[in-house]
Amino acid sequence: MVSEQISLRISKESKEKLELLAKSTGRSKNFLAQDAIDKYLELESWQISAIQEGIKQINNGQFVSINDVKKDWDIE
């Protein structure tokens, strides 16, 4: 994988936590930051994709109405 450099600002508290975690785990701050970014991007991408799929299903009429749910669960 080709790496590219970026620059960003983080709070002093986050920087201190990152440094402590790096020291505690024997990992570099760069490794931990890259891992955190990768996990965040994976989760956010999954959520956006799932939301878009849900909207698509709703637009295609593929959903259960609240009244049907209430009937199935005997809720008034």
N, C-alpha and C. Protein backbone atom coordinates (compact mmCIF):
# COMPACT_ATOMS: atom_id res chain seq x y z
N MET A 1 0.85 -1.18 0.00
CA MET A 1 0.00 0.00 0.00
C MET A 1 0.90 1.24 0.00
N VAL A 2 0.59 2.16 -0.86
CA VAL A 2 1.33 3.41 -0.92
C VAL A 2 0.78 4.35 0.14
N SER A 3 1.66 4.97 0.89
CA SER A 3 1.24 5.90 1.95
C SER A 3 1.39 7.33 1.47
N GLU A 4 0.50 8.16 1.95
CA GLU A 4 0.58 9.59 1.69
C GLU A 4 0.51 10.32 3.01
N GLN A 5 1.12 11.44 3.07
CA GLN A 5 1.17 12.21 4.30
C GLN A 5 0.03 13.23 4.34
N ILE A 6 -0.58 13.35 5.52
CA ILE A 6 -1.56 14.40 5.76
C ILE A 6 -1.19 15.10 7.07
N SER A 7 -1.76 16.23 7.28
CA SER A 7 -1.53 16.97 8.52
C SER A 7 -2.88 17.30 9.12
N LEU A 8 -3.01 17.12 10.43
CA LEU A 8 -4.26 17.48 11.07
C LEU A 8 -3.99 17.93 12.49
N ARG A 9 -4.96 18.65 13.02
CA ARG A 9 -4.86 19.12 14.40
C ARG A 9 -5.77 18.27 15.27
N ILE A 10 -5.27 17.90 16.43
CA ILE A 10 -6.08 17.19 17.41
C ILE A 10 -5.90 17.89 18.75
N SER A 11 -6.82 17.64 19.66
CA SER A 11 -6.74 18.28 20.97
C SER A 11 -5.52 17.77 21.73
N LYS A 12 -5.08 18.54 22.69
CA LYS A 12 -3.96 18.15 23.53
C LYS A 12 -4.27 16.84 24.25
N GLU A 13 -5.52 16.72 24.71
CA GLU A 13 -5.92 15.51 25.42
C GLU A 13 -5.84 14.28 24.52
N SER A 14 -6.30 14.42 23.27
CA SER A 14 -6.23 13.30 22.33
C SER A 14 -4.78 12.94 22.03
N LYS A 15 -3.95 13.94 21.89
CA LYS A 15 -2.53 13.69 21.61
C LYS A 15 -1.89 12.94 22.77
N GLU A 16 -2.22 13.35 23.98
CA GLU A 16 -1.66 12.68 25.16
C GLU A 16 -2.14 11.24 25.25
N LYS A 17 -3.42 11.02 24.96
CA LYS A 17 -3.96 9.66 24.98
C LYS A 17 -3.29 8.80 23.91
N LEU A 18 -3.09 9.37 22.73
CA LEU A 18 -2.44 8.65 21.64
C LEU A 18 -1.02 8.27 22.03
N GLU A 19 -0.30 9.21 22.63
CA GLU A 19 1.08 8.94 23.04
C GLU A 19 1.12 7.85 24.11
N LEU A 20 0.21 7.91 25.07
CA LEU A 20 0.15 6.90 26.13
C LEU A 20 -0.19 5.52 25.57
N LEU A 21 -1.15 5.49 24.66
CA LEU A 21 -1.54 4.22 24.05
C LEU A 21 -0.39 3.64 23.23
N ALA A 22 0.30 4.49 22.51
CA ALA A 22 1.44 4.03 21.71
C ALA A 22 2.51 3.43 22.62
N LYS A 23 2.79 4.13 23.70
CA LYS A 23 3.80 3.63 24.64
C LYS A 23 3.35 2.32 25.28
N SER A 24 2.08 2.24 25.67
CA SER A 24 1.55 1.06 26.35
C SER A 24 1.50 -0.17 25.45
N THR A 25 1.24 0.05 24.17
CA THR A 25 1.08 -1.08 23.24
C THR A 25 2.33 -1.40 22.44
N GLY A 26 3.31 -0.52 22.50
CA GLY A 26 4.51 -0.73 21.70
C GLY A 26 4.29 -0.45 20.22
N ARG A 27 3.21 0.23 19.91
CA ARG A 27 2.90 0.61 18.53
C ARG A 27 3.26 2.08 18.32
N SER A 28 3.46 2.44 17.08
CA SER A 28 3.74 3.85 16.79
C SER A 28 2.44 4.66 16.80
N LYS A 29 2.58 5.95 17.06
CA LYS A 29 1.41 6.83 16.99
C LYS A 29 0.82 6.80 15.58
N ASN A 30 1.68 6.71 14.59
CA ASN A 30 1.21 6.65 13.21
C ASN A 30 0.37 5.40 12.97
N PHE A 31 0.84 4.25 13.46
CA PHE A 31 0.08 3.00 13.30
C PHE A 31 -1.29 3.13 13.94
N LEU A 32 -1.33 3.62 15.17
CA LEU A 32 -2.60 3.73 15.89
C LEU A 32 -3.55 4.71 15.21
N ALA A 33 -3.03 5.83 14.74
CA ALA A 33 -3.87 6.81 14.06
C ALA A 33 -4.41 6.24 12.75
N GLN A 34 -3.56 5.55 12.00
CA GLN A 34 -4.00 4.93 10.74
C GLN A 34 -5.06 3.87 11.01
N ASP A 35 -4.85 3.06 12.04
CA ASP A 35 -5.82 2.02 12.40
C ASP A 35 -7.16 2.65 12.78
N ALA A 36 -7.12 3.71 13.56
CA ALA A 36 -8.36 4.39 13.98
C ALA A 36 -9.08 4.98 12.78
N ILE A 37 -8.36 5.60 11.89
CA ILE A 37 -8.97 6.19 10.68
C ILE A 37 -9.58 5.09 9.81
N ASP A 38 -8.85 4.00 9.62
CA ASP A 38 -9.36 2.88 8.81
C ASP A 38 -10.67 2.33 9.39
N LYS A 39 -10.69 2.12 10.70
CA LYS A 39 -11.89 1.59 11.35
C LYS A 39 -13.06 2.57 11.24
N TYR A 40 -12.78 3.85 11.42
CA TYR A 40 -13.82 4.87 11.31
C TYR A 40 -14.40 4.89 9.90
N LEU A 41 -13.54 4.89 8.90
CA LEU A 41 -13.99 4.93 7.51
C LEU A 41 -14.81 3.69 7.16
N GLU A 42 -14.38 2.54 7.65
CA GLU A 42 -15.13 1.30 7.39
C GLU A 42 -16.53 1.37 8.00
N LEU A 43 -16.62 1.81 9.24
CA LEU A 43 -17.91 1.89 9.92
C LEU A 43 -18.82 2.92 9.26
N GLU A 44 -18.29 4.10 9.00
CA GLU A 44 -19.10 5.15 8.39
C GLU A 44 -19.57 4.76 6.99
N SER A 45 -18.69 4.13 6.22
CA SER A 45 -19.06 3.68 4.87
C SER A 45 -20.18 2.65 4.94
N TRP A 46 -20.07 1.71 5.90
CA TRP A 46 -21.10 0.70 6.07
C TRP A 46 -22.43 1.36 6.44
N GLN A 47 -22.40 2.30 7.38
CA GLN A 47 -23.64 2.95 7.81
C GLN A 47 -24.29 3.72 6.67
N ILE A 48 -23.52 4.49 5.94
CA ILE A 48 -24.07 5.26 4.82
C ILE A 48 -24.66 4.32 3.78
N SER A 49 -23.95 3.25 3.48
CA SER A 49 -24.45 2.27 2.51
C SER A 49 -25.76 1.64 2.97
N ALA A 50 -25.83 1.28 4.25
CA ALA A 50 -27.05 0.67 4.79
C ALA A 50 -28.22 1.66 4.76
N ILE A 51 -27.95 2.91 5.09
CA ILE A 51 -29.00 3.94 5.06
C ILE A 51 -29.50 4.14 3.63
N GLN A 52 -28.57 4.24 2.70
CA GLN A 52 -28.96 4.42 1.29
C GLN A 52 -29.78 3.24 0.79
N GLU A 53 -29.41 2.02 1.19
CA GLU A 53 -30.16 0.84 0.79
C GLU A 53 -31.56 0.87 1.40
N GLY A 54 -31.66 1.29 2.65
CA GLY A 54 -32.97 1.41 3.29
C GLY A 54 -33.86 2.42 2.61
N ILE A 55 -33.30 3.54 2.23
CA ILE A 55 -34.07 4.57 1.51
C ILE A 55 -34.54 4.03 0.16
N LYS A 56 -33.65 3.31 -0.51
CA LYS A 56 -34.00 2.70 -1.80
C LYS A 56 -35.17 1.73 -1.64
N GLN A 57 -35.12 0.90 -0.58
CA GLN A 57 -36.19 -0.06 -0.34
C GLN A 57 -37.51 0.67 -0.04
N ILE A 58 -37.45 1.70 0.76
CA ILE A 58 -38.65 2.48 1.07
C ILE A 58 -39.23 3.08 -0.20
N ASN A 59 -38.37 3.66 -1.02
CA ASN A 59 -38.83 4.26 -2.28
C ASN A 59 -39.44 3.23 -3.22
N ASN A 60 -39.04 1.97 -3.09
CA ASN A 60 -39.59 0.90 -3.91
C ASN A 60 -40.79 0.22 -3.24
N GLY A 61 -41.23 0.77 -2.11
CA GLY A 61 -42.39 0.22 -1.42
C GLY A 61 -42.10 -1.03 -0.60
N GLN A 62 -40.84 -1.30 -0.35
CA GLN A 62 -40.46 -2.51 0.39
C GLN A 62 -40.29 -2.16 1.87
N PHE A 63 -41.40 -2.06 2.57
CA PHE A 63 -41.35 -1.76 4.00
C PHE A 63 -42.62 -2.25 4.66
N VAL A 64 -42.61 -2.32 5.96
CA VAL A 64 -43.76 -2.73 6.74
C VAL A 64 -44.32 -1.47 7.40
N SER A 65 -45.61 -1.27 7.28
CA SER A 65 -46.20 -0.08 7.88
C SER A 65 -46.27 -0.22 9.39
N ILE A 66 -46.34 0.89 10.07
CA ILE A 66 -46.44 0.88 11.52
C ILE A 66 -47.71 0.18 11.98
N ASN A 67 -48.78 0.31 11.20
CA ASN A 67 -50.03 -0.37 11.55
C ASN A 67 -49.87 -1.89 11.50
N ASP A 68 -49.13 -2.39 10.51
CA ASP A 68 -48.88 -3.83 10.43
C ASP A 68 -48.03 -4.31 11.60
N VAL A 69 -47.07 -3.52 11.99
CA VAL A 69 -46.23 -3.87 13.13
C VAL A 69 -47.08 -3.93 14.40
N LYS A 70 -47.92 -2.92 14.58
CA LYS A 70 -48.80 -2.89 15.75
C LYS A 70 -49.73 -4.11 15.78
N LYS A 71 -50.26 -4.49 14.62
CA LYS A 71 -51.14 -5.67 14.56
C LYS A 71 -50.37 -6.92 14.95
N ASP A 72 -49.18 -7.09 14.41
CA ASP A 72 -48.37 -8.28 14.68
C ASP A 72 -47.99 -8.38 16.16
N TRP A 73 -47.81 -7.25 16.80
CA TRP A 73 -47.39 -7.24 18.20
C TRP A 73 -48.53 -6.94 19.16
N ASP A 74 -49.72 -6.88 18.67
CA ASP A 74 -50.90 -6.57 19.48
C ASP A 74 -50.71 -5.28 20.28
N ILE A 75 -50.25 -4.26 19.59
CA ILE A 75 -50.05 -2.95 20.19
C ILE A 75 -51.14 -2.02 19.68
N GLU A 76 -51.68 -1.24 20.56
CA GLU A 76 -52.73 -0.31 20.13
C GLU A 76 -52.21 1.08 20.00
